[in-house]
Amino acid sequence: MNGIPMLLVAMIGAPVFEKLIFRKFFIDRLLPFGEKAAVIFTALLFGMAHMNAGQFFLAFLLGLLLALVYLRTGNILYPMALHFMINTTASLDAIGCMIFGDVFDTIWLILV
């Protein structure tokens, strides 16, 4: 997939489905083993689900953050919104690089 469908999947589909699976489903079932274990285990799963060694550590750290946000707020919409913002920022950077070349990375980093 490319173009608009891929952007919709990355910006909307991934945050919604990943949060429902990794936060709502797994965390809720792992809480009897302790909050710390639930957060770390789901973050590891989230990192591995990205199936890319380069993204694993970033996804793992993001998974820790999003799990804590979910547990502290009790609302799945907050981690969904954060994931949406991160994916949207990355997607817009990728589009900018395709259009304007690698120099866009520097400009985008300054703007963000």
N, C-alpha and C. Protein backbone atom coordinates (compact mmCIF):
# COMPACT_ATOMS: atom_id res chain seq x y z
N MET A 1 0.85 -1.18 0.00
CA MET A 1 0.00 0.00 0.00
C MET A 1 0.89 1.24 0.00
N ASN A 2 0.39 2.27 -0.63
CA ASN A 2 1.09 3.54 -0.58
C ASN A 2 0.07 4.66 -0.65
N GLY A 3 0.53 5.86 -0.50
CA GLY A 3 -0.32 7.01 -0.62
C GLY A 3 -1.26 7.18 0.54
N ILE A 4 -2.45 7.65 0.23
CA ILE A 4 -3.46 7.98 1.24
C ILE A 4 -3.86 6.77 2.09
N PRO A 5 -4.11 5.60 1.52
CA PRO A 5 -4.48 4.46 2.37
C PRO A 5 -3.41 4.13 3.41
N MET A 6 -2.15 4.18 3.01
CA MET A 6 -1.07 3.88 3.95
C MET A 6 -1.01 4.93 5.05
N LEU A 7 -1.20 6.18 4.70
CA LEU A 7 -1.21 7.24 5.70
C LEU A 7 -2.34 7.05 6.69
N LEU A 8 -3.51 6.67 6.19
CA LEU A 8 -4.65 6.45 7.09
C LEU A 8 -4.39 5.29 8.04
N VAL A 9 -3.76 4.24 7.53
CA VAL A 9 -3.42 3.10 8.38
C VAL A 9 -2.42 3.53 9.44
N ALA A 10 -1.37 4.24 9.04
CA ALA A 10 -0.31 4.66 9.97
C ALA A 10 -0.82 5.67 10.98
N MET A 11 -1.62 6.62 10.53
CA MET A 11 -2.02 7.71 11.42
C MET A 11 -3.23 7.37 12.27
N ILE A 12 -4.14 6.56 11.77
CA ILE A 12 -5.38 6.28 12.51
C ILE A 12 -5.50 4.82 12.91
N GLY A 13 -5.35 3.93 11.94
CA GLY A 13 -5.54 2.50 12.21
C GLY A 13 -4.59 1.95 13.25
N ALA A 14 -3.29 2.24 13.08
CA ALA A 14 -2.30 1.71 14.02
C ALA A 14 -2.54 2.20 15.45
N PRO A 15 -2.71 3.50 15.67
CA PRO A 15 -2.94 3.93 17.05
C PRO A 15 -4.18 3.31 17.69
N VAL A 16 -5.24 3.18 16.94
CA VAL A 16 -6.47 2.62 17.51
C VAL A 16 -6.30 1.13 17.81
N PHE A 17 -5.90 0.37 16.82
CA PHE A 17 -5.82 -1.08 17.01
C PHE A 17 -4.68 -1.49 17.94
N GLU A 18 -3.54 -0.83 17.81
CA GLU A 18 -2.43 -1.18 18.70
C GLU A 18 -2.75 -0.85 20.15
N LYS A 19 -3.42 0.24 20.39
CA LYS A 19 -3.77 0.58 21.77
C LYS A 19 -4.82 -0.38 22.32
N LEU A 20 -5.77 -0.75 21.51
CA LEU A 20 -6.78 -1.70 21.98
C LEU A 20 -6.15 -3.05 22.30
N ILE A 21 -5.19 -3.48 21.48
CA ILE A 21 -4.55 -4.78 21.71
C ILE A 21 -3.53 -4.71 22.84
N PHE A 22 -2.54 -3.81 22.70
CA PHE A 22 -1.43 -3.81 23.66
C PHE A 22 -1.78 -3.15 24.98
N ARG A 23 -2.62 -2.16 24.99
CA ARG A 23 -2.94 -1.49 26.25
C ARG A 23 -4.19 -2.11 26.88
N LYS A 24 -5.28 -2.02 26.18
CA LYS A 24 -6.55 -2.46 26.77
C LYS A 24 -6.58 -3.98 27.01
N PHE A 25 -6.31 -4.75 25.98
CA PHE A 25 -6.43 -6.20 26.09
C PHE A 25 -5.34 -6.80 26.98
N PHE A 26 -4.06 -6.57 26.62
CA PHE A 26 -2.96 -7.22 27.35
C PHE A 26 -2.77 -6.64 28.75
N ILE A 27 -2.75 -5.34 28.88
CA ILE A 27 -2.51 -4.76 30.22
C ILE A 27 -3.60 -5.18 31.18
N ASP A 28 -4.84 -5.09 30.75
CA ASP A 28 -5.94 -5.45 31.65
C ASP A 28 -5.83 -6.90 32.12
N ARG A 29 -5.32 -7.77 31.27
CA ARG A 29 -5.18 -9.18 31.65
C ARG A 29 -3.91 -9.47 32.44
N LEU A 30 -2.91 -8.61 32.31
CA LEU A 30 -1.64 -8.83 33.01
C LEU A 30 -1.54 -8.11 34.35
N LEU A 31 -2.48 -7.23 34.65
CA LEU A 31 -2.44 -6.49 35.91
C LEU A 31 -2.41 -7.38 37.15
N PRO A 32 -3.06 -8.56 37.14
CA PRO A 32 -2.95 -9.42 38.32
C PRO A 32 -1.50 -9.83 38.65
N PHE A 33 -0.59 -9.74 37.66
CA PHE A 33 0.81 -10.08 37.89
C PHE A 33 1.63 -8.86 38.34
N GLY A 34 0.96 -7.73 38.48
CA GLY A 34 1.62 -6.50 38.91
C GLY A 34 1.68 -5.48 37.79
N GLU A 35 1.57 -4.23 38.18
CA GLU A 35 1.58 -3.15 37.21
C GLU A 35 2.90 -3.07 36.45
N LYS A 36 4.00 -3.21 37.18
CA LYS A 36 5.32 -3.14 36.56
C LYS A 36 5.50 -4.23 35.50
N ALA A 37 5.12 -5.46 35.83
CA ALA A 37 5.24 -6.57 34.89
C ALA A 37 4.35 -6.33 33.66
N ALA A 38 3.15 -5.83 33.88
CA ALA A 38 2.23 -5.57 32.77
C ALA A 38 2.79 -4.51 31.83
N VAL A 39 3.36 -3.45 32.40
CA VAL A 39 3.91 -2.36 31.59
C VAL A 39 5.10 -2.85 30.78
N ILE A 40 6.03 -3.53 31.42
CA ILE A 40 7.25 -3.98 30.74
C ILE A 40 6.93 -5.04 29.68
N PHE A 41 6.08 -5.99 30.02
CA PHE A 41 5.76 -7.06 29.07
C PHE A 41 5.05 -6.50 27.84
N THR A 42 4.08 -5.62 28.04
CA THR A 42 3.36 -5.07 26.88
C THR A 42 4.27 -4.16 26.05
N ALA A 43 5.20 -3.47 26.70
CA ALA A 43 6.15 -2.63 25.95
C ALA A 43 7.07 -3.51 25.11
N LEU A 44 7.51 -4.63 25.66
CA LEU A 44 8.33 -5.57 24.89
C LEU A 44 7.56 -6.12 23.69
N LEU A 45 6.32 -6.50 23.92
CA LEU A 45 5.49 -6.99 22.81
C LEU A 45 5.30 -5.91 21.75
N PHE A 46 5.07 -4.69 22.19
CA PHE A 46 4.88 -3.56 21.27
C PHE A 46 6.14 -3.35 20.44
N GLY A 47 7.29 -3.42 21.07
CA GLY A 47 8.55 -3.27 20.35
C GLY A 47 8.75 -4.37 19.33
N MET A 48 8.50 -5.61 19.75
CA MET A 48 8.67 -6.75 18.84
C MET A 48 7.66 -6.72 17.70
N ALA A 49 6.48 -6.20 17.94
CA ALA A 49 5.44 -6.16 16.91
C ALA A 49 5.84 -5.27 15.74
N HIS A 50 6.76 -4.34 15.96
CA HIS A 50 7.20 -3.48 14.87
C HIS A 50 8.14 -4.20 13.91
N MET A 51 8.58 -5.41 14.29
CA MET A 51 9.36 -6.31 13.43
C MET A 51 10.51 -5.62 12.71
N ASN A 52 11.20 -4.75 13.43
CA ASN A 52 12.31 -4.02 12.87
C ASN A 52 13.26 -3.70 14.01
N ALA A 53 14.47 -4.24 13.94
CA ALA A 53 15.43 -4.05 15.03
C ALA A 53 15.72 -2.58 15.26
N GLY A 54 15.71 -1.79 14.21
CA GLY A 54 15.95 -0.36 14.34
C GLY A 54 14.84 0.36 15.08
N GLN A 55 13.63 -0.12 14.96
CA GLN A 55 12.49 0.52 15.63
C GLN A 55 12.20 -0.09 16.99
N PHE A 56 12.79 -1.24 17.29
CA PHE A 56 12.44 -1.94 18.51
C PHE A 56 12.60 -1.06 19.76
N PHE A 57 13.77 -0.44 19.92
CA PHE A 57 14.02 0.31 21.15
C PHE A 57 13.13 1.54 21.27
N LEU A 58 12.92 2.23 20.17
CA LEU A 58 12.02 3.38 20.21
C LEU A 58 10.60 2.93 20.51
N ALA A 59 10.16 1.86 19.86
CA ALA A 59 8.81 1.35 20.11
C ALA A 59 8.67 0.83 21.54
N PHE A 60 9.72 0.20 22.06
CA PHE A 60 9.70 -0.28 23.44
C PHE A 60 9.54 0.89 24.42
N LEU A 61 10.35 1.94 24.23
CA LEU A 61 10.24 3.11 25.11
C LEU A 61 8.88 3.79 24.98
N LEU A 62 8.40 3.89 23.75
CA LEU A 62 7.08 4.46 23.53
C LEU A 62 6.01 3.58 24.18
N GLY A 63 6.19 2.27 24.09
CA GLY A 63 5.26 1.34 24.73
C GLY A 63 5.21 1.52 26.23
N LEU A 64 6.36 1.76 26.86
CA LEU A 64 6.40 2.04 28.29
C LEU A 64 5.59 3.30 28.62
N LEU A 65 5.85 4.34 27.85
CA LEU A 65 5.16 5.62 28.08
C LEU A 65 3.64 5.48 27.89
N LEU A 66 3.25 4.86 26.80
CA LEU A 66 1.82 4.73 26.51
C LEU A 66 1.11 3.84 27.52
N ALA A 67 1.79 2.82 27.99
CA ALA A 67 1.21 1.95 29.03
C ALA A 67 1.00 2.73 30.31
N LEU A 68 1.99 3.53 30.69
CA LEU A 68 1.86 4.33 31.91
C LEU A 68 0.76 5.38 31.79
N VAL A 69 0.66 5.98 30.63
CA VAL A 69 -0.42 6.97 30.41
C VAL A 69 -1.77 6.28 30.57
N TYR A 70 -1.91 5.10 29.98
CA TYR A 70 -3.17 4.37 30.09
C TYR A 70 -3.48 4.03 31.55
N LEU A 71 -2.49 3.52 32.26
CA LEU A 71 -2.72 3.12 33.65
C LEU A 71 -3.00 4.31 34.56
N ARG A 72 -2.31 5.41 34.33
CA ARG A 72 -2.50 6.58 35.20
C ARG A 72 -3.82 7.29 34.94
N THR A 73 -4.25 7.30 33.68
CA THR A 73 -5.50 8.01 33.35
C THR A 73 -6.71 7.10 33.38
N GLY A 74 -6.48 5.80 33.12
CA GLY A 74 -7.60 4.87 33.03
C GLY A 74 -8.42 5.06 31.77
N ASN A 75 -7.88 5.82 30.83
CA ASN A 75 -8.61 6.14 29.60
C ASN A 75 -7.74 5.77 28.40
N ILE A 76 -8.22 4.90 27.56
CA ILE A 76 -7.47 4.42 26.39
C ILE A 76 -7.33 5.51 25.32
N LEU A 77 -8.18 6.53 25.37
CA LEU A 77 -8.12 7.58 24.35
C LEU A 77 -6.85 8.42 24.44
N TYR A 78 -6.28 8.59 25.62
CA TYR A 78 -5.06 9.38 25.75
C TYR A 78 -3.86 8.73 25.06
N PRO A 79 -3.58 7.44 25.32
CA PRO A 79 -2.48 6.84 24.56
C PRO A 79 -2.76 6.75 23.06
N MET A 80 -4.02 6.60 22.68
CA MET A 80 -4.36 6.61 21.25
C MET A 80 -4.01 7.96 20.64
N ALA A 81 -4.38 9.02 21.32
CA ALA A 81 -4.11 10.37 20.80
C ALA A 81 -2.60 10.63 20.70
N LEU A 82 -1.85 10.21 21.71
CA LEU A 82 -0.40 10.38 21.66
C LEU A 82 0.22 9.59 20.50
N HIS A 83 -0.22 8.36 20.32
CA HIS A 83 0.29 7.53 19.22
C HIS A 83 -0.09 8.15 17.88
N PHE A 84 -1.30 8.66 17.78
CA PHE A 84 -1.75 9.34 16.56
C PHE A 84 -0.83 10.51 16.23
N MET A 85 -0.52 11.33 17.24
CA MET A 85 0.34 12.49 17.01
C MET A 85 1.75 12.08 16.57
N ILE A 86 2.29 11.04 17.19
CA ILE A 86 3.63 10.57 16.83
C ILE A 86 3.64 10.02 15.41
N ASN A 87 2.67 9.18 15.07
CA ASN A 87 2.62 8.61 13.72
C ASN A 87 2.35 9.67 12.66
N THR A 88 1.51 10.65 12.98
CA THR A 88 1.23 11.72 12.04
C THR A 88 2.47 12.55 11.79
N THR A 89 3.21 12.86 12.85
CA THR A 89 4.45 13.62 12.70
C THR A 89 5.44 12.86 11.82
N ALA A 90 5.61 11.57 12.08
CA ALA A 90 6.54 10.75 11.28
C ALA A 90 6.06 10.64 9.83
N SER A 91 4.76 10.48 9.63
CA SER A 91 4.22 10.36 8.26
C SER A 91 4.41 11.64 7.48
N LEU A 92 4.16 12.77 8.11
CA LEU A 92 4.34 14.05 7.42
C LEU A 92 5.82 14.28 7.10
N ASP A 93 6.71 13.83 7.97
CA ASP A 93 8.15 13.92 7.68
C ASP A 93 8.49 13.08 6.46
N ALA A 94 7.97 11.86 6.40
CA ALA A 94 8.25 10.98 5.26
C ALA A 94 7.74 11.58 3.96
N ILE A 95 6.56 12.18 4.01
CA ILE A 95 6.00 12.82 2.81
C ILE A 95 6.88 14.00 2.39
N GLY A 96 7.28 14.81 3.36
CA GLY A 96 8.13 15.95 3.07
C GLY A 96 9.45 15.54 2.45
N CYS A 97 10.04 14.45 2.95
CA CYS A 97 11.31 13.96 2.40
C CYS A 97 11.13 13.45 0.97
N MET A 98 9.99 12.83 0.68
CA MET A 98 9.73 12.36 -0.68
C MET A 98 9.61 13.53 -1.64
N ILE A 99 9.00 14.61 -1.17
CA ILE A 99 8.77 15.76 -2.04
C ILE A 99 10.00 16.66 -2.14
N PHE A 100 10.60 16.98 -0.98
CA PHE A 100 11.67 17.97 -0.94
C PHE A 100 13.07 17.39 -0.74
N GLY A 101 13.17 16.09 -0.52
CA GLY A 101 14.48 15.47 -0.29
C GLY A 101 14.84 15.46 1.19
N ASP A 102 16.04 14.97 1.46
CA ASP A 102 16.47 14.77 2.84
C ASP A 102 16.62 16.07 3.63
N VAL A 103 16.79 17.19 2.96
CA VAL A 103 16.91 18.46 3.67
C VAL A 103 15.64 18.74 4.49
N PHE A 104 14.53 18.14 4.08
CA PHE A 104 13.28 18.35 4.80
C PHE A 104 13.37 17.83 6.24
N ASP A 105 14.16 16.78 6.48
CA ASP A 105 14.32 16.25 7.84
C ASP A 105 14.74 17.32 8.81
N THR A 106 15.72 18.11 8.43
CA THR A 106 16.22 19.18 9.30
C THR A 106 15.16 20.24 9.51
N ILE A 107 14.51 20.63 8.46
CA ILE A 107 13.46 21.66 8.56
C ILE A 107 12.33 21.15 9.45
N TRP A 108 11.92 19.91 9.23
CA TRP A 108 10.81 19.32 9.99
C TRP A 108 11.16 19.21 11.47
N LEU A 109 12.39 18.82 11.76
CA LEU A 109 12.83 18.71 13.16
C LEU A 109 12.75 20.06 13.85
N ILE A 110 13.16 21.11 13.17
CA ILE A 110 13.08 22.47 13.74
C ILE A 110 11.63 22.87 13.95
N LEU A 111 10.76 22.60 12.98
CA LEU A 111 9.35 22.96 13.09
C LEU A 111 8.64 22.20 14.21
N VAL A 112 8.95 20.92 14.33
CA VAL A 112 8.28 20.09 15.34
C VAL A 112 8.79 20.47 16.70
